[in-house]
Amino acid sequence: MLYAALAFALCVLISAFFIGRFFTAKARLVEKTIEETIERKLSKSPIHAELLRLREENGVMRNLLIDMVENEASLADASKIGDGTDPRRERSLSTASRGLW
């Protein structure tokens, strides 16, 4: 009798697991269908076309801002190289010029 109750409980647990998976998959399928319906309805609307245009402009502006920041960073690095305040550089230049004369 104990083994029968244990087997029955095991069957109930396995059945509950598979039934839960079934309803989860069914819910995901319904959500996917709803999303596809909303997307299909929006694709016909002018709001969707405007949203696509804004996304494209946003990407272009982001790329321009990145380019500007990179250019400013490279200009700042170039000005640091050319200001001549590096003592090691000055010593090596003076040593090199003394060696030529």
N, C-alpha and C. Protein backbone atom coordinates (compact mmCIF):
# COMPACT_ATOMS: atom_id res chain seq x y z
N MET A 1 0.81 -1.18 0.00
CA MET A 1 0.00 0.00 0.00
C MET A 1 0.87 1.26 0.00
N LEU A 2 1.96 1.24 0.73
CA LEU A 2 2.85 2.39 0.80
C LEU A 2 3.49 2.66 -0.56
N TYR A 3 3.86 1.57 -1.26
CA TYR A 3 4.48 1.74 -2.58
C TYR A 3 3.49 2.30 -3.59
N ALA A 4 2.24 1.93 -3.49
CA ALA A 4 1.21 2.44 -4.40
C ALA A 4 1.00 3.93 -4.17
N ALA A 5 0.98 4.35 -2.93
CA ALA A 5 0.80 5.77 -2.62
C ALA A 5 2.00 6.58 -3.09
N LEU A 6 3.19 6.00 -2.90
CA LEU A 6 4.41 6.67 -3.35
C LEU A 6 4.44 6.79 -4.87
N ALA A 7 4.05 5.74 -5.58
CA ALA A 7 4.00 5.76 -7.05
C ALA A 7 2.97 6.76 -7.53
N PHE A 8 1.81 6.80 -6.85
CA PHE A 8 0.77 7.76 -7.21
C PHE A 8 1.26 9.20 -7.02
N ALA A 9 1.94 9.47 -5.92
CA ALA A 9 2.47 10.82 -5.66
C ALA A 9 3.51 11.21 -6.70
N LEU A 10 4.36 10.25 -7.09
CA LEU A 10 5.36 10.51 -8.12
C LEU A 10 4.70 10.82 -9.46
N CYS A 11 3.66 10.09 -9.80
CA CYS A 11 2.92 10.36 -11.04
C CYS A 11 2.26 11.73 -11.02
N VAL A 12 1.73 12.12 -9.86
CA VAL A 12 1.10 13.43 -9.74
C VAL A 12 2.14 14.53 -9.91
N LEU A 13 3.31 14.37 -9.32
CA LEU A 13 4.37 15.38 -9.47
C LEU A 13 4.83 15.50 -10.91
N ILE A 14 5.05 14.40 -11.57
CA ILE A 14 5.50 14.43 -12.97
C ILE A 14 4.41 15.03 -13.85
N SER A 15 3.17 14.66 -13.61
CA SER A 15 2.07 15.21 -14.40
C SER A 15 1.95 16.72 -14.17
N ALA A 16 2.08 17.16 -12.94
CA ALA A 16 2.00 18.60 -12.65
C ALA A 16 3.12 19.35 -13.36
N PHE A 17 4.32 18.77 -13.40
CA PHE A 17 5.44 19.41 -14.10
C PHE A 17 5.14 19.59 -15.58
N PHE A 18 4.68 18.52 -16.23
CA PHE A 18 4.43 18.60 -17.67
C PHE A 18 3.21 19.47 -17.99
N ILE A 19 2.20 19.45 -17.13
CA ILE A 19 1.04 20.33 -17.35
C ILE A 19 1.45 21.79 -17.19
N GLY A 20 2.30 22.07 -16.21
CA GLY A 20 2.80 23.44 -16.04
C GLY A 20 3.59 23.90 -17.25
N ARG A 21 4.44 23.04 -17.78
CA ARG A 21 5.20 23.39 -18.99
C ARG A 21 4.27 23.65 -20.16
N PHE A 22 3.21 22.84 -20.29
CA PHE A 22 2.26 23.01 -21.39
C PHE A 22 1.60 24.38 -21.32
N PHE A 23 1.10 24.75 -20.12
CA PHE A 23 0.43 26.04 -20.01
C PHE A 23 1.39 27.21 -20.14
N THR A 24 2.63 27.05 -19.73
CA THR A 24 3.63 28.10 -19.92
C THR A 24 3.91 28.30 -21.40
N ALA A 25 4.05 27.20 -22.14
CA ALA A 25 4.29 27.31 -23.58
C ALA A 25 3.09 27.93 -24.28
N LYS A 26 1.91 27.56 -23.83
CA LYS A 26 0.70 28.13 -24.43
C LYS A 26 0.62 29.64 -24.17
N ALA A 27 0.98 30.06 -22.96
CA ALA A 27 0.97 31.49 -22.63
C ALA A 27 2.00 32.25 -23.46
N ARG A 28 3.19 31.65 -23.63
CA ARG A 28 4.21 32.31 -24.47
C ARG A 28 3.74 32.43 -25.92
N LEU A 29 3.05 31.42 -26.41
CA LEU A 29 2.53 31.48 -27.78
C LEU A 29 1.49 32.58 -27.93
N VAL A 30 0.63 32.73 -26.93
CA VAL A 30 -0.38 33.79 -26.97
C VAL A 30 0.30 35.16 -26.92
N GLU A 31 1.29 35.34 -26.05
CA GLU A 31 2.01 36.61 -25.98
C GLU A 31 2.70 36.94 -27.29
N LYS A 32 3.29 35.93 -27.93
CA LYS A 32 3.95 36.14 -29.21
C LYS A 32 2.95 36.56 -30.28
N THR A 33 1.78 35.94 -30.27
CA THR A 33 0.74 36.29 -31.23
C THR A 33 0.27 37.72 -31.02
N ILE A 34 0.11 38.11 -29.76
CA ILE A 34 -0.31 39.48 -29.45
C ILE A 34 0.75 40.48 -29.92
N GLU A 35 2.02 40.20 -29.65
CA GLU A 35 3.10 41.09 -30.10
C GLU A 35 3.13 41.21 -31.61
N GLU A 36 2.96 40.10 -32.32
CA GLU A 36 2.95 40.15 -33.79
C GLU A 36 1.78 40.95 -34.31
N THR A 37 0.63 40.84 -33.66
CA THR A 37 -0.55 41.61 -34.08
C THR A 37 -0.32 43.10 -33.86
N ILE A 38 0.24 43.46 -32.72
CA ILE A 38 0.53 44.87 -32.45
C ILE A 38 1.55 45.40 -33.46
N GLU A 39 2.58 44.62 -33.74
CA GLU A 39 3.59 45.05 -34.70
C GLU A 39 3.00 45.22 -36.10
N ARG A 40 2.12 44.31 -36.48
CA ARG A 40 1.49 44.41 -37.80
C ARG A 40 0.60 45.64 -37.88
N LYS A 41 -0.13 45.94 -36.81
CA LYS A 41 -0.99 47.13 -36.80
C LYS A 41 -0.15 48.41 -36.82
N LEU A 42 0.94 48.42 -36.09
CA LEU A 42 1.78 49.62 -36.06
C LEU A 42 2.54 49.82 -37.35
N SER A 43 2.85 48.74 -38.07
CA SER A 43 3.61 48.89 -39.31
C SER A 43 2.82 49.66 -40.35
N LYS A 44 1.52 49.64 -40.24
CA LYS A 44 0.69 50.38 -41.19
C LYS A 44 0.48 51.83 -40.77
N SER A 45 0.79 52.17 -39.54
CA SER A 45 0.50 53.51 -39.04
C SER A 45 1.65 54.47 -39.36
N PRO A 46 1.36 55.75 -39.46
CA PRO A 46 2.42 56.75 -39.68
C PRO A 46 3.32 56.91 -38.45
N ILE A 47 2.82 56.51 -37.30
CA ILE A 47 3.63 56.62 -36.08
C ILE A 47 4.85 55.71 -36.19
N HIS A 48 4.66 54.53 -36.78
CA HIS A 48 5.77 53.59 -36.93
C HIS A 48 6.84 54.16 -37.87
N ALA A 49 6.41 54.77 -38.96
CA ALA A 49 7.36 55.37 -39.90
C ALA A 49 8.14 56.50 -39.22
N GLU A 50 7.45 57.29 -38.43
CA GLU A 50 8.11 58.36 -37.68
C GLU A 50 9.10 57.80 -36.66
N LEU A 51 8.73 56.72 -36.01
CA LEU A 51 9.61 56.09 -35.04
C LEU A 51 10.87 55.55 -35.71
N LEU A 52 10.74 54.94 -36.86
CA LEU A 52 11.91 54.46 -37.60
C LEU A 52 12.83 55.60 -38.02
N ARG A 53 12.23 56.72 -38.47
CA ARG A 53 13.02 57.88 -38.86
C ARG A 53 13.78 58.46 -37.67
N LEU A 54 13.11 58.53 -36.51
CA LEU A 54 13.76 59.05 -35.31
C LEU A 54 14.88 58.13 -34.84
N ARG A 55 14.70 56.83 -34.96
CA ARG A 55 15.77 55.91 -34.58
C ARG A 55 16.99 56.10 -35.48
N GLU A 56 16.76 56.30 -36.76
CA GLU A 56 17.87 56.52 -37.69
C GLU A 56 18.59 57.82 -37.37
N GLU A 57 17.85 58.89 -37.12
CA GLU A 57 18.46 60.17 -36.78
C GLU A 57 19.21 60.08 -35.45
N ASN A 58 18.68 59.33 -34.51
CA ASN A 58 19.35 59.15 -33.23
C ASN A 58 20.70 58.45 -33.42
N GLY A 59 20.74 57.44 -34.26
CA GLY A 59 22.00 56.75 -34.53
C GLY A 59 23.01 57.66 -35.19
N VAL A 60 22.56 58.48 -36.14
CA VAL A 60 23.47 59.41 -36.82
C VAL A 60 24.03 60.43 -35.84
N MET A 61 23.16 60.99 -34.99
CA MET A 61 23.62 61.98 -34.01
C MET A 61 24.59 61.36 -33.01
N ARG A 62 24.32 60.13 -32.59
CA ARG A 62 25.22 59.45 -31.67
C ARG A 62 26.59 59.27 -32.29
N ASN A 63 26.64 58.86 -33.55
CA ASN A 63 27.92 58.69 -34.24
C ASN A 63 28.66 60.01 -34.38
N LEU A 64 27.94 61.08 -34.68
CA LEU A 64 28.59 62.40 -34.79
C LEU A 64 29.16 62.84 -33.45
N LEU A 65 28.42 62.62 -32.38
CA LEU A 65 28.93 62.99 -31.05
C LEU A 65 30.16 62.18 -30.67
N ILE A 66 30.16 60.91 -31.01
CA ILE A 66 31.32 60.07 -30.73
C ILE A 66 32.53 60.58 -31.50
N ASP A 67 32.34 60.94 -32.77
CA ASP A 67 33.44 61.48 -33.58
C ASP A 67 33.97 62.78 -32.99
N MET A 68 33.06 63.64 -32.53
CA MET A 68 33.50 64.91 -31.95
C MET A 68 34.33 64.68 -30.69
N VAL A 69 33.90 63.77 -29.84
CA VAL A 69 34.64 63.48 -28.61
C VAL A 69 36.00 62.89 -28.94
N GLU A 70 36.07 62.00 -29.92
CA GLU A 70 37.36 61.42 -30.31
C GLU A 70 38.30 62.48 -30.87
N ASN A 71 37.76 63.40 -31.67
CA ASN A 71 38.60 64.47 -32.23
C ASN A 71 39.12 65.39 -31.14
N GLU A 72 38.26 65.74 -30.17
CA GLU A 72 38.72 66.59 -29.08
C GLU A 72 39.79 65.89 -28.26
N ALA A 73 39.65 64.61 -28.05
CA ALA A 73 40.64 63.86 -27.28
C ALA A 73 41.97 63.80 -28.03
N SER A 74 41.91 63.61 -29.34
CA SER A 74 43.16 63.54 -30.10
C SER A 74 43.82 64.92 -30.17
N LEU A 75 43.05 66.00 -30.23
CA LEU A 75 43.62 67.35 -30.22
C LEU A 75 44.26 67.65 -28.87
N ALA A 76 43.65 67.19 -27.79
CA ALA A 76 44.22 67.41 -26.47
C ALA A 76 45.54 66.65 -26.34
N ASP A 77 45.62 65.45 -26.87
CA ASP A 77 46.86 64.68 -26.83
C ASP A 77 47.94 65.35 -27.67
N ALA A 78 47.57 65.89 -28.82
CA ALA A 78 48.54 66.55 -29.69
C ALA A 78 49.08 67.82 -29.03
N SER A 79 48.24 68.55 -28.30
CA SER A 79 48.73 69.77 -27.66
C SER A 79 49.65 69.44 -26.49
N LYS A 80 49.43 68.32 -25.82
CA LYS A 80 50.32 67.93 -24.73
C LYS A 80 51.69 67.56 -25.26
N ILE A 81 51.75 66.97 -26.43
CA ILE A 81 53.03 66.57 -27.01
C ILE A 81 53.84 67.80 -27.42
N GLY A 82 53.17 68.81 -27.93
CA GLY A 82 53.89 69.94 -28.50
C GLY A 82 54.19 71.08 -27.56
N ASP A 83 53.85 71.03 -26.27
CA ASP A 83 54.09 72.19 -25.42
C ASP A 83 55.51 72.25 -24.87
N GLY A 84 56.32 71.23 -25.02
CA GLY A 84 57.74 71.28 -24.70
C GLY A 84 58.06 71.35 -23.23
N THR A 85 57.21 70.89 -22.38
CA THR A 85 57.48 70.95 -20.95
C THR A 85 58.02 69.63 -20.40
N ASP A 86 58.30 68.70 -21.24
CA ASP A 86 58.82 67.42 -20.78
C ASP A 86 60.33 67.56 -20.55
N PRO A 87 60.81 67.46 -19.30
CA PRO A 87 62.23 67.68 -19.03
C PRO A 87 63.13 66.62 -19.67
N ARG A 88 62.66 65.39 -19.74
CA ARG A 88 63.49 64.35 -20.37
C ARG A 88 63.70 64.65 -21.85
N ARG A 89 62.65 65.14 -22.48
CA ARG A 89 62.74 65.46 -23.91
C ARG A 89 63.71 66.62 -24.12
N GLU A 90 63.62 67.63 -23.27
CA GLU A 90 64.52 68.78 -23.40
C GLU A 90 65.97 68.39 -23.17
N ARG A 91 66.22 67.52 -22.18
CA ARG A 91 67.59 67.06 -21.93
C ARG A 91 68.13 66.27 -23.12
N SER A 92 67.29 65.39 -23.67
CA SER A 92 67.78 64.59 -24.78
C SER A 92 68.03 65.46 -26.01
N LEU A 93 67.21 66.48 -26.21
CA LEU A 93 67.44 67.38 -27.35
C LEU A 93 68.70 68.20 -27.15
N SER A 94 68.93 68.68 -25.94
CA SER A 94 70.13 69.48 -25.70
C SER A 94 71.39 68.62 -25.80
N THR A 95 71.29 67.37 -25.33
CA THR A 95 72.42 66.46 -25.43
C THR A 95 72.70 66.14 -26.89
N ALA A 96 71.69 65.94 -27.64
CA ALA A 96 71.87 65.61 -29.07
C ALA A 96 72.44 66.80 -29.81
N SER A 97 72.00 68.01 -29.45
CA SER A 97 72.52 69.17 -30.16
C SER A 97 73.98 69.45 -29.75
N ARG A 98 74.35 69.16 -28.49
CA ARG A 98 75.74 69.32 -28.07
C ARG A 98 76.64 68.32 -28.77
N GLY A 99 76.10 67.16 -29.05
CA GLY A 99 76.92 66.14 -29.73
C GLY A 99 77.19 66.52 -31.17
N LEU A 100 76.31 67.28 -31.78
CA LEU A 100 76.54 67.69 -33.17
C LEU A 100 77.57 68.79 -33.26
N TRP A 101 77.73 69.65 -32.23
CA TRP A 101 78.65 70.79 -32.30
C TRP A 101 79.91 70.45 -31.65
